[in-house]
PDB file of all heavy atoms in Angstrom:
ATOM      1  N   ARG A   1       0.880  -1.174   0.000  1.00  0.00           N
ATOM      2  CA  ARG A   1       0.000   0.000   0.000  1.00  0.00           C
ATOM      3  C   ARG A   1       0.918   1.225   0.000  1.00  0.00           C
ATOM      4  O   ARG A   1       1.611   1.492   0.985  1.00  0.00           O
ATOM      5  CB  ARG A   1      -0.915  -0.006   1.231  1.00  0.00           C
ATOM      6  CG  ARG A   1      -1.923  -1.142   1.197  1.00  0.00           C
ATOM      7  CD  ARG A   1      -3.068  -0.915   2.158  1.00  0.00           C
ATOM      8  NE  ARG A   1      -2.622  -0.764   3.547  1.00  0.00           N
ATOM      9  CZ  ARG A   1      -3.460  -0.641   4.577  1.00  0.00           C
ATOM     10  NH1 ARG A   1      -4.765  -0.632   4.381  1.00  0.00           N
ATOM     11  NH2 ARG A   1      -2.996  -0.525   5.803  1.00  0.00           N
ATOM     12  N   TYR A   2       0.926   1.933  -1.116  1.00  0.00           N
ATOM     13  CA  TYR A   2       1.806   3.089  -1.280  1.00  0.00           C
ATOM     14  C   TYR A   2       1.191   4.313  -0.604  1.00  0.00           C
ATOM     15  O   TYR A   2       0.045   4.674  -0.883  1.00  0.00           O
ATOM     16  CB  TYR A   2       2.024   3.368  -2.767  1.00  0.00           C
ATOM     17  CG  TYR A   2       2.824   2.297  -3.469  1.00  0.00           C
ATOM     18  CD1 TYR A   2       2.199   1.159  -3.985  1.00  0.00           C
ATOM     19  CD2 TYR A   2       4.207   2.424  -3.611  1.00  0.00           C
ATOM     20  CE1 TYR A   2       2.948   0.170  -4.626  1.00  0.00           C
ATOM     21  CE2 TYR A   2       4.952   1.438  -4.252  1.00  0.00           C
ATOM     22  CZ  TYR A   2       4.315   0.313  -4.758  1.00  0.00           C
ATOM     23  OH  TYR A   2       5.048  -0.661  -5.385  1.00  0.00           O
ATOM     24  N   LYS A   3       1.981   4.953   0.263  1.00  0.00           N
ATOM     25  CA  LYS A   3       1.464   6.077   1.043  1.00  0.00           C
ATOM     26  C   LYS A   3       2.403   7.277   0.961  1.00  0.00           C
ATOM     27  O   LYS A   3       3.199   7.520   1.874  1.00  0.00           O
ATOM     28  CB  LYS A   3       1.245   5.644   2.490  1.00  0.00           C
ATOM     29  CG  LYS A   3       0.157   4.562   2.610  1.00  0.00           C
ATOM     30  CD  LYS A   3      -0.076   4.139   4.028  1.00  0.00           C
ATOM     31  CE  LYS A   3      -1.224   3.150   4.114  1.00  0.00           C
ATOM     32  NZ  LYS A   3      -2.543   3.769   3.948  1.00  0.00           N
ATOM     33  N   PRO A   4       2.335   8.020  -0.148  1.00  0.00           N
ATOM     34  CA  PRO A   4       3.162   9.233  -0.235  1.00  0.00           C
ATOM     35  C   PRO A   4       2.747  10.226   0.836  1.00  0.00           C
ATOM     36  O   PRO A   4       1.559  10.344   1.159  1.00  0.00           O
ATOM     37  CB  PRO A   4       2.861   9.769  -1.638  1.00  0.00           C
ATOM     38  CG  PRO A   4       1.538   9.183  -2.013  1.00  0.00           C
ATOM     39  CD  PRO A   4       1.458   7.851  -1.320  1.00  0.00           C
ATOM     40  N   MET A   5       3.729  10.898   1.416  1.00  0.00           N
ATOM     41  CA  MET A   5       3.420  11.829   2.517  1.00  0.00           C
ATOM     42  C   MET A   5       4.304  13.057   2.421  1.00  0.00           C
ATOM     43  O   MET A   5       5.313  13.079   1.714  1.00  0.00           O
ATOM     44  CB  MET A   5       3.616  11.120   3.861  1.00  0.00           C
ATOM     45  CG  MET A   5       5.020  10.606   4.022  1.00  0.00           C
ATOM     46  SD  MET A   5       5.343   9.794   5.585  1.00  0.00           S
ATOM     47  CE  MET A   5       7.083   9.379   5.311  1.00  0.00           C
ATOM     48  N   ASP A   6       3.928  14.063   3.179  1.00  0.00           N
ATOM     49  CA  ASP A   6       4.652  15.333   3.235  1.00  0.00           C
ATOM     50  C   ASP A   6       5.811  15.170   4.215  1.00  0.00           C
ATOM     51  O   ASP A   6       5.620  15.235   5.431  1.00  0.00           O
ATOM     52  CB  ASP A   6       3.690  16.437   3.685  1.00  0.00           C
ATOM     53  CG  ASP A   6       4.383  17.777   3.898  1.00  0.00           C
ATOM     54  OD1 ASP A   6       5.606  17.877   3.664  1.00  0.00           O
ATOM     55  OD2 ASP A   6       3.690  18.714   4.315  1.00  0.00           O
ATOM     56  N   ILE A   7       7.019  14.943   3.698  1.00  0.00           N
ATOM     57  CA  ILE A   7       8.171  14.645   4.556  1.00  0.00           C
ATOM     58  C   ILE A   7       8.555  15.847   5.428  1.00  0.00           C
ATOM     59  O   ILE A   7       8.950  15.678   6.583  1.00  0.00           O
ATOM     60  CB  ILE A   7       9.379  14.154   3.720  1.00  0.00           C
ATOM     61  CG1 ILE A   7      10.500  13.615   4.601  1.00  0.00           C
ATOM     62  CG2 ILE A   7       9.900  15.237   2.796  1.00  0.00           C
ATOM     63  CD1 ILE A   7      10.225  12.306   5.265  1.00  0.00           C
ATOM     64  N   MET A   8       8.412  17.062   4.902  1.00  0.00           N
ATOM     65  CA  MET A   8       8.748  18.240   5.722  1.00  0.00           C
ATOM     66  C   MET A   8       7.749  18.385   6.874  1.00  0.00           C
ATOM     67  O   MET A   8       8.114  18.720   7.998  1.00  0.00           O
ATOM     68  CB  MET A   8       8.775  19.502   4.857  1.00  0.00           C
ATOM     69  CG  MET A   8       9.840  19.486   3.760  1.00  0.00           C
ATOM     70  SD  MET A   8      11.516  19.143   4.380  1.00  0.00           S
ATOM     71  CE  MET A   8      12.441  19.175   2.849  1.00  0.00           C
ATOM     72  N   GLY A   9       6.479  18.096   6.565  1.00  0.00           N
ATOM     73  CA  GLY A   9       5.460  18.100   7.612  1.00  0.00           C
ATOM     74  C   GLY A   9       5.748  17.033   8.665  1.00  0.00           C
ATOM     75  O   GLY A   9       5.580  17.249   9.867  1.00  0.00           O
ATOM     76  N   LEU A  10       6.221  15.879   8.200  1.00  0.00           N
ATOM     77  CA  LEU A  10       6.541  14.772   9.117  1.00  0.00           C
ATOM     78  C   LEU A  10       7.688  15.157  10.039  1.00  0.00           C
ATOM     79  O   LEU A  10       7.627  14.914  11.244  1.00  0.00           O
ATOM     80  CB  LEU A  10       6.908  13.521   8.315  1.00  0.00           C
ATOM     81  CG  LEU A  10       7.213  12.281   9.155  1.00  0.00           C
ATOM     82  CD1 LEU A  10       5.941  11.695   9.754  1.00  0.00           C
ATOM     83  CD2 LEU A  10       7.936  11.224   8.330  1.00  0.00           C
ATOM     84  N   PHE A  11       8.734  15.768   9.472  1.00  0.00           N
ATOM     85  CA  PHE A  11       9.861  16.201  10.302  1.00  0.00           C
ATOM     86  C   PHE A  11       9.377  17.140  11.406  1.00  0.00           C
ATOM     87  O   PHE A  11       9.767  17.013  12.564  1.00  0.00           O
ATOM     88  CB  PHE A  11      10.917  16.928   9.451  1.00  0.00           C
ATOM     89  CG  PHE A  11      11.760  16.021   8.596  1.00  0.00           C
ATOM     90  CD1 PHE A  11      12.299  16.499   7.406  1.00  0.00           C
ATOM     91  CD2 PHE A  11      12.026  14.719   8.958  1.00  0.00           C
ATOM     92  CE1 PHE A  11      13.093  15.689   6.604  1.00  0.00           C
ATOM     93  CE2 PHE A  11      12.814  13.897   8.161  1.00  0.00           C
ATOM     94  CZ  PHE A  11      13.352  14.382   6.979  1.00  0.00           C
ATOM     95  N   GLY A  12       8.530  18.083  11.022  1.00  0.00           N
ATOM     96  CA  GLY A  12       8.022  19.054  11.987  1.00  0.00           C
ATOM     97  C   GLY A  12       7.223  18.405  13.105  1.00  0.00           C
ATOM     98  O   GLY A  12       7.232  18.881  14.246  1.00  0.00           O
ATOM     99  N   ARG A  13       6.531  17.323  12.772  1.00  0.00           N
ATOM    100  CA  ARG A  13       5.669  16.651  13.756  1.00  0.00           C
ATOM    101  C   ARG A  13       6.409  15.645  14.633  1.00  0.00           C
ATOM    102  O   ARG A  13       5.934  15.275  15.694  1.00  0.00           O
ATOM    103  CB  ARG A  13       4.542  15.915  13.011  1.00  0.00           C
ATOM    104  CG  ARG A  13       3.612  16.812  12.203  1.00  0.00           C
ATOM    105  CD  ARG A  13       2.543  17.444  13.064  1.00  0.00           C
ATOM    106  NE  ARG A  13       1.642  16.437  13.606  1.00  0.00           N
ATOM    107  CZ  ARG A  13       0.617  15.899  12.944  1.00  0.00           C
ATOM    108  NH1 ARG A  13       0.352  16.304  11.705  1.00  0.00           N
ATOM    109  NH2 ARG A  13      -0.155  15.003  13.503  1.00  0.00           N
ATOM    110  N   THR A  14       7.568  15.149  14.152  1.00  0.00           N
ATOM    111  CA  THR A  14       8.220  14.044  14.870  1.00  0.00           C
ATOM    112  C   THR A  14       9.646  14.373  15.331  1.00  0.00           C
ATOM    113  O   THR A  14      10.428  13.483  15.634  1.00  0.00           O
ATOM    114  CB  THR A  14       8.253  12.778  13.984  1.00  0.00           C
ATOM    115  OG1 THR A  14       8.960  13.070  12.759  1.00  0.00           O
ATOM    116  CG2 THR A  14       6.854  12.301  13.649  1.00  0.00           C
ATOM    117  N   GLY A  15       9.971  15.657  15.361  1.00  0.00           N
ATOM    118  CA  GLY A  15      11.264  16.060  15.919  1.00  0.00           C
ATOM    119  C   GLY A  15      12.434  16.024  14.957  1.00  0.00           C
ATOM    120  O   GLY A  15      13.583  16.126  15.370  1.00  0.00           O
ATOM    121  N   GLY A  16      12.144  15.885  13.668  1.00  0.00           N
ATOM    122  CA  GLY A  16      13.215  15.889  12.676  1.00  0.00           C
ATOM    123  C   GLY A  16      13.520  17.299  12.202  1.00  0.00           C
ATOM    124  O   GLY A  16      12.744  18.226  12.430  1.00  0.00           O
ATOM    125  N   THR A  17      14.652  17.458  11.538  1.00  0.00           N
ATOM    126  CA  THR A  17      15.050  18.756  10.994  1.00  0.00           C
ATOM    127  C   THR A  17      15.223  18.628   9.483  1.00  0.00           C
ATOM    128  O   THR A  17      15.940  17.740   9.039  1.00  0.00           O
ATOM    129  CB  THR A  17      16.387  19.213  11.611  1.00  0.00           C
ATOM    130  OG1 THR A  17      16.270  19.199  13.030  1.00  0.00           O
ATOM    131  CG2 THR A  17      16.764  20.605  11.150  1.00  0.00           C
ATOM    132  N   PRO A  18      14.566  19.478   8.695  1.00  0.00           N
ATOM    133  CA  PRO A  18      14.759  19.427   7.241  1.00  0.00           C
ATOM    134  C   PRO A  18      16.233  19.597   6.892  1.00  0.00           C
ATOM    135  O   PRO A  18      16.940  20.375   7.547  1.00  0.00           O
ATOM    136  CB  PRO A  18      13.925  20.609   6.734  1.00  0.00           C
ATOM    137  CG  PRO A  18      12.901  20.840   7.800  1.00  0.00           C
ATOM    138  CD  PRO A  18      13.593  20.500   9.094  1.00  0.00           C
ATOM    139  N   PRO A  19      16.722  18.879   5.869  1.00  0.00           N
ATOM    140  CA  PRO A  19      18.154  18.928   5.530  1.00  0.00           C
ATOM    141  C   PRO A  19      18.766  20.328   5.446  1.00  0.00           C
ATOM    142  O   PRO A  19      19.855  20.551   5.992  1.00  0.00           O
ATOM    143  CB  PRO A  19      18.218  18.201   4.183  1.00  0.00           C
ATOM    144  CG  PRO A  19      17.101  17.214   4.266  1.00  0.00           C
ATOM    145  CD  PRO A  19      15.999  17.916   5.017  1.00  0.00           C
ATOM    146  N   PRO A  20      18.095  21.314   4.785  1.00  0.00           N
ATOM    147  CA  PRO A  20      18.739  22.629   4.681  1.00  0.00           C
ATOM    148  C   PRO A  20      18.946  23.325   6.027  1.00  0.00           C
ATOM    149  O   PRO A  20      19.758  24.245   6.132  1.00  0.00           O
ATOM    150  CB  PRO A  20      17.757  23.434   3.804  1.00  0.00           C
ATOM    151  CG  PRO A  20      16.961  22.397   3.072  1.00  0.00           C
ATOM    152  CD  PRO A  20      16.825  21.262   4.033  1.00  0.00           C
ATOM    153  N   GLN A  21      18.216  22.883   7.057  1.00  0.00           N
ATOM    154  CA  GLN A  21      18.327  23.526   8.374  1.00  0.00           C
ATOM    155  C   GLN A  21      19.240  22.758   9.329  1.00  0.00           C
ATOM    156  O   GLN A  21      19.436  23.154  10.469  1.00  0.00           O
ATOM    157  CB  GLN A  21      16.935  23.655   9.000  1.00  0.00           C
ATOM    158  CG  GLN A  21      16.018  24.589   8.233  1.00  0.00           C
ATOM    159  CD  GLN A  21      14.568  24.454   8.672  1.00  0.00           C
ATOM    160  OE1 GLN A  21      14.292  24.131   9.817  1.00  0.00           O
ATOM    161  NE2 GLN A  21      13.647  24.688   7.749  1.00  0.00           N
ATOM    162  N   ARG A  22      19.810  21.651   8.869  1.00  0.00           N
ATOM    163  CA  ARG A  22      20.672  20.857   9.737  1.00  0.00           C
ATOM    164  C   ARG A  22      22.051  21.495   9.869  1.00  0.00           C
ATOM    165  O   ARG A  22      22.478  22.264   9.019  1.00  0.00           O
ATOM    166  CB  ARG A  22      20.808  19.428   9.177  1.00  0.00           C
ATOM    167  CG  ARG A  22      19.509  18.654   9.272  1.00  0.00           C
ATOM    168  CD  ARG A  22      19.599  17.293   8.585  1.00  0.00           C
ATOM    169  NE  ARG A  22      18.259  16.720   8.461  1.00  0.00           N
ATOM    170  CZ  ARG A  22      17.955  15.689   7.695  1.00  0.00           C
ATOM    171  NH1 ARG A  22      18.889  15.104   6.974  1.00  0.00           N
ATOM    172  NH2 ARG A  22      16.721  15.233   7.642  1.00  0.00           N
ATOM    173  N   HIS A  23      22.749  21.140  10.927  1.00  0.00           N
ATOM    174  CA  HIS A  23      24.110  21.609  11.143  1.00  0.00           C
ATOM    175  C   HIS A  23      24.970  21.194   9.946  1.00  0.00           C
ATOM    176  O   HIS A  23      24.768  20.123   9.372  1.00  0.00           O
ATOM    177  CB  HIS A  23      24.661  20.971  12.431  1.00  0.00           C
ATOM    178  CG  HIS A  23      25.969  21.556  12.855  1.00  0.00           C
ATOM    179  ND1 HIS A  23      27.177  21.155  12.309  1.00  0.00           N
ATOM    180  CD2 HIS A  23      26.259  22.509  13.776  1.00  0.00           C
ATOM    181  CE1 HIS A  23      28.153  21.845  12.870  1.00  0.00           C
ATOM    182  NE2 HIS A  23      27.628  22.666  13.768  1.00  0.00           N
ATOM    183  N   PRO A  24      25.935  22.043   9.540  1.00  0.00           N
ATOM    184  CA  PRO A  24      26.791  21.700   8.396  1.00  0.00           C
ATOM    185  C   PRO A  24      27.441  20.316   8.498  1.00  0.00           C
ATOM    186  O   PRO A  24      27.598  19.625   7.496  1.00  0.00           O
ATOM    187  CB  PRO A  24      27.856  22.810   8.413  1.00  0.00           C
ATOM    188  CG  PRO A  24      27.143  23.980   9.022  1.00  0.00           C
ATOM    189  CD  PRO A  24      26.209  23.402  10.047  1.00  0.00           C
ATOM    190  N   ASN A  25      27.791  19.893   9.708  1.00  0.00           N
ATOM    191  CA  ASN A  25      28.389  18.558   9.874  1.00  0.00           C
ATOM    192  C   ASN A  25      27.440  17.467   9.365  1.00  0.00           C
ATOM    193  O   ASN A  25      27.851  16.524   8.693  1.00  0.00           O
ATOM    194  CB  ASN A  25      28.696  18.273  11.354  1.00  0.00           C
ATOM    195  CG  ASN A  25      29.792  19.164  11.900  1.00  0.00           C
ATOM    196  OD1 ASN A  25      30.289  20.043  11.195  1.00  0.00           O
ATOM    197  ND2 ASN A  25      30.166  18.954  13.151  1.00  0.00           N
ATOM    198  N   ARG A  26      26.161  17.614   9.716  1.00  0.00           N
ATOM    199  CA  ARG A  26      25.156  16.628   9.296  1.00  0.00           C
ATOM    200  C   ARG A  26      24.899  16.725   7.784  1.00  0.00           C
ATOM    201  O   ARG A  26      24.709  15.714   7.113  1.00  0.00           O
ATOM    202  CB  ARG A  26      23.856  16.841  10.059  1.00  0.00           C
ATOM    203  CG  ARG A  26      23.944  16.456  11.528  1.00  0.00           C
ATOM    204  CD  ARG A  26      22.623  16.728  12.237  1.00  0.00           C
ATOM    205  NE  ARG A  26      22.680  16.329  13.623  1.00  0.00           N
ATOM    206  CZ  ARG A  26      22.320  15.122  14.085  1.00  0.00           C
ATOM    207  NH1 ARG A  26      21.899  14.194  13.243  1.00  0.00           N
ATOM    208  NH2 ARG A  26      22.396  14.834  15.361  1.00  0.00           N
ATOM    209  N   GLN A  27      24.879  17.949   7.275  1.00  0.00           N
ATOM    210  CA  GLN A  27      24.635  18.127   5.838  1.00  0.00           C
ATOM    211  C   GLN A  27      25.760  17.501   5.015  1.00  0.00           C
ATOM    212  O   GLN A  27      25.506  16.834   4.004  1.00  0.00           O
ATOM    213  CB  GLN A  27      24.522  19.623   5.505  1.00  0.00           C
ATOM    214  CG  GLN A  27      23.268  20.271   6.077  1.00  0.00           C
ATOM    215  CD  GLN A  27      23.020  21.644   5.479  1.00  0.00           C
ATOM    216  OE1 GLN A  27      23.178  21.827   4.277  1.00  0.00           O
ATOM    217  NE2 GLN A  27      22.638  22.605   6.299  1.00  0.00           N
ATOM    218  N   GLU A  28      27.007  17.703   5.458  1.00  0.00           N
ATOM    219  CA  GLU A  28      28.145  17.147   4.722  1.00  0.00           C
ATOM    220  C   GLU A  28      28.136  15.624   4.770  1.00  0.00           C
ATOM    221  O   GLU A  28      28.399  14.952   3.772  1.00  0.00           O
ATOM    222  CB  GLU A  28      29.453  17.713   5.299  1.00  0.00           C
ATOM    223  CG  GLU A  28      29.667  19.186   4.950  1.00  0.00           C
ATOM    224  CD  GLU A  28      30.731  19.831   5.822  1.00  0.00           C
ATOM    225  OE1 GLU A  28      31.487  19.097   6.515  1.00  0.00           O
ATOM    226  OE2 GLU A  28      30.805  21.080   5.824  1.00  0.00           O
ATOM    227  N   TRP A  29      27.831  15.051   5.935  1.00  0.00           N
ATOM    228  CA  TRP A  29      27.772  13.591   6.058  1.00  0.00           C
ATOM    229  C   TRP A  29      26.678  13.033   5.164  1.00  0.00           C
ATOM    230  O   TRP A  29      26.873  12.002   4.501  1.00  0.00           O
ATOM    231  CB  TRP A  29      27.500  13.185   7.511  1.00  0.00           C
ATOM    232  CG  TRP A  29      27.296  11.699   7.637  1.00  0.00           C
ATOM    233  CD1 TRP A  29      28.263  10.741   7.782  1.00  0.00           C
ATOM    234  CD2 TRP A  29      26.050  11.005   7.565  1.00  0.00           C
ATOM    235  NE1 TRP A  29      27.686   9.493   7.809  1.00  0.00           N
ATOM    236  CE2 TRP A  29      26.333   9.617   7.682  1.00  0.00           C
ATOM    237  CE3 TRP A  29      24.721  11.405   7.412  1.00  0.00           C
ATOM    238  CZ2 TRP A  29      25.335   8.646   7.654  1.00  0.00           C
ATOM    239  CZ3 TRP A  29      23.733  10.434   7.381  1.00  0.00           C
ATOM    240  CH2 TRP A  29      24.037   9.083   7.508  1.00  0.00           C
ATOM    241  N   ARG A  30      25.532  13.712   5.136  1.00  0.00           N
ATOM    242  CA  ARG A  30      24.401  13.245   4.327  1.00  0.00           C
ATOM    243  C   ARG A  30      24.795  13.115   2.863  1.00  0.00           C
ATOM    244  O   ARG A  30      24.487  12.120   2.202  1.00  0.00           O
ATOM    245  CB  ARG A  30      23.222  14.215   4.489  1.00  0.00           C
ATOM    246  CG  ARG A  30      22.018  13.933   3.597  1.00  0.00           C
ATOM    247  CD  ARG A  30      20.922  14.953   3.907  1.00  0.00           C
ATOM    248  NE  ARG A  30      19.805  14.854   2.974  1.00  0.00           N
ATOM    249  CZ  ARG A  30      19.730  15.477   1.808  1.00  0.00           C
ATOM    250  NH1 ARG A  30      20.755  16.258   1.413  1.00  0.00           N
ATOM    251  NH2 ARG A  30      18.689  15.347   1.016  1.00  0.00           N
ATOM    252  N   LEU A  31      25.501  14.118   2.330  1.00  0.00           N
ATOM    253  CA  LEU A  31      25.915  14.077   0.923  1.00  0.00           C
ATOM    254  C   LEU A  31      26.907  12.945   0.666  1.00  0.00           C
ATOM    255  O   LEU A  31      26.829  12.259  -0.345  1.00  0.00           O
ATOM    256  CB  LEU A  31      26.521  15.421   0.513  1.00  0.00           C
ATOM    257  CG  LEU A  31      25.550  16.610   0.488  1.00  0.00           C
ATOM    258  CD1 LEU A  31      26.291  17.894   0.125  1.00  0.00           C
ATOM    259  CD2 LEU A  31      24.393  16.369  -0.478  1.00  0.00           C
ATOM    260  N   GLN A  32      27.825  12.738   1.606  1.00  0.00           N
ATOM    261  CA  GLN A  32      28.776  11.637   1.448  1.00  0.00           C
ATOM    262  C   GLN A  32      28.047  10.289   1.481  1.00  0.00           C
ATOM    263  O   GLN A  32      28.342   9.386   0.685  1.00  0.00           O
ATOM    264  CB  GLN A  32      29.832  11.669   2.563  1.00  0.00           C
ATOM    265  CG  GLN A  32      30.843  12.780   2.414  1.00  0.00           C
ATOM    266  CD  GLN A  32      32.028  12.605   3.354  1.00  0.00           C
ATOM    267  OE1 GLN A  32      32.091  11.655   4.137  1.00  0.00           O
ATOM    268  NE2 GLN A  32      32.972  13.529   3.281  1.00  0.00           N
ATOM    269  N   GLU A  33      27.118  10.161   2.419  1.00  0.00           N
ATOM    270  CA  GLU A  33      26.370   8.908   2.560  1.00  0.00           C
ATOM    271  C   GLU A  33      25.532   8.626   1.315  1.00  0.00           C
ATOM    272  O   GLU A  33      25.452   7.483   0.845  1.00  0.00           O
ATOM    273  CB  GLU A  33      25.479   8.993   3.811  1.00  0.00           C
ATOM    274  CG  GLU A  33      24.646   7.763   4.087  1.00  0.00           C
ATOM    275  CD  GLU A  33      25.457   6.559   4.527  1.00  0.00           C
ATOM    276  OE1 GLU A  33      26.695   6.661   4.665  1.00  0.00           O
ATOM    277  OE2 GLU A  33      24.848   5.489   4.709  1.00  0.00           O
ATOM    278  N   MET A  34      24.909   9.664   0.777  1.00  0.00           N
ATOM    279  CA  MET A  34      24.126   9.498  -0.450  1.00  0.00           C
ATOM    280  C   MET A  34      25.026   9.050  -1.607  1.00  0.00           C
ATOM    281  O   MET A  34      24.667   8.147  -2.369  1.00  0.00           O
ATOM    282  CB  MET A  34      23.412  10.814  -0.801  1.00  0.00           C
ATOM    283  CG  MET A  34      22.191  11.086   0.057  1.00  0.00           C
ATOM    284  SD  MET A  34      21.672  12.840   0.035  1.00  0.00           S
ATOM    285  CE  MET A  34      21.570  13.172  -1.712  1.00  0.00           C
ATOM    286  N   ARG A  35      26.190   9.679  -1.727  1.00  0.00           N
ATOM    287  CA  ARG A  35      27.121   9.321  -2.809  1.00  0.00           C
ATOM    288  C   ARG A  35      27.577   7.880  -2.677  1.00  0.00           C
ATOM    289  O   ARG A  35      27.581   7.114  -3.653  1.00  0.00           O
ATOM    290  CB  ARG A  35      28.341  10.267  -2.779  1.00  0.00           C
ATOM    291  CG  ARG A  35      29.437   9.878  -3.758  1.00  0.00           C
ATOM    292  CD  ARG A  35      30.639  10.825  -3.709  1.00  0.00           C
ATOM    293  NE  ARG A  35      31.165  11.039  -2.376  1.00  0.00           N
ATOM    294  CZ  ARG A  35      31.934  10.162  -1.711  1.00  0.00           C
ATOM    295  NH1 ARG A  35      32.237   8.986  -2.247  1.00  0.00           N
ATOM    296  NH2 ARG A  35      32.386  10.453  -0.505  1.00  0.00           N
TER     297      ARG A  35
END
């Protein structure tokens, strides 16, 4: 059952931080991990 959702809304509701607002350390790690 496919359930597309608003990920930014989810972050706001569950204590997450949208990628552009994360600390640079986390942003840099995220790009490396994705690569």
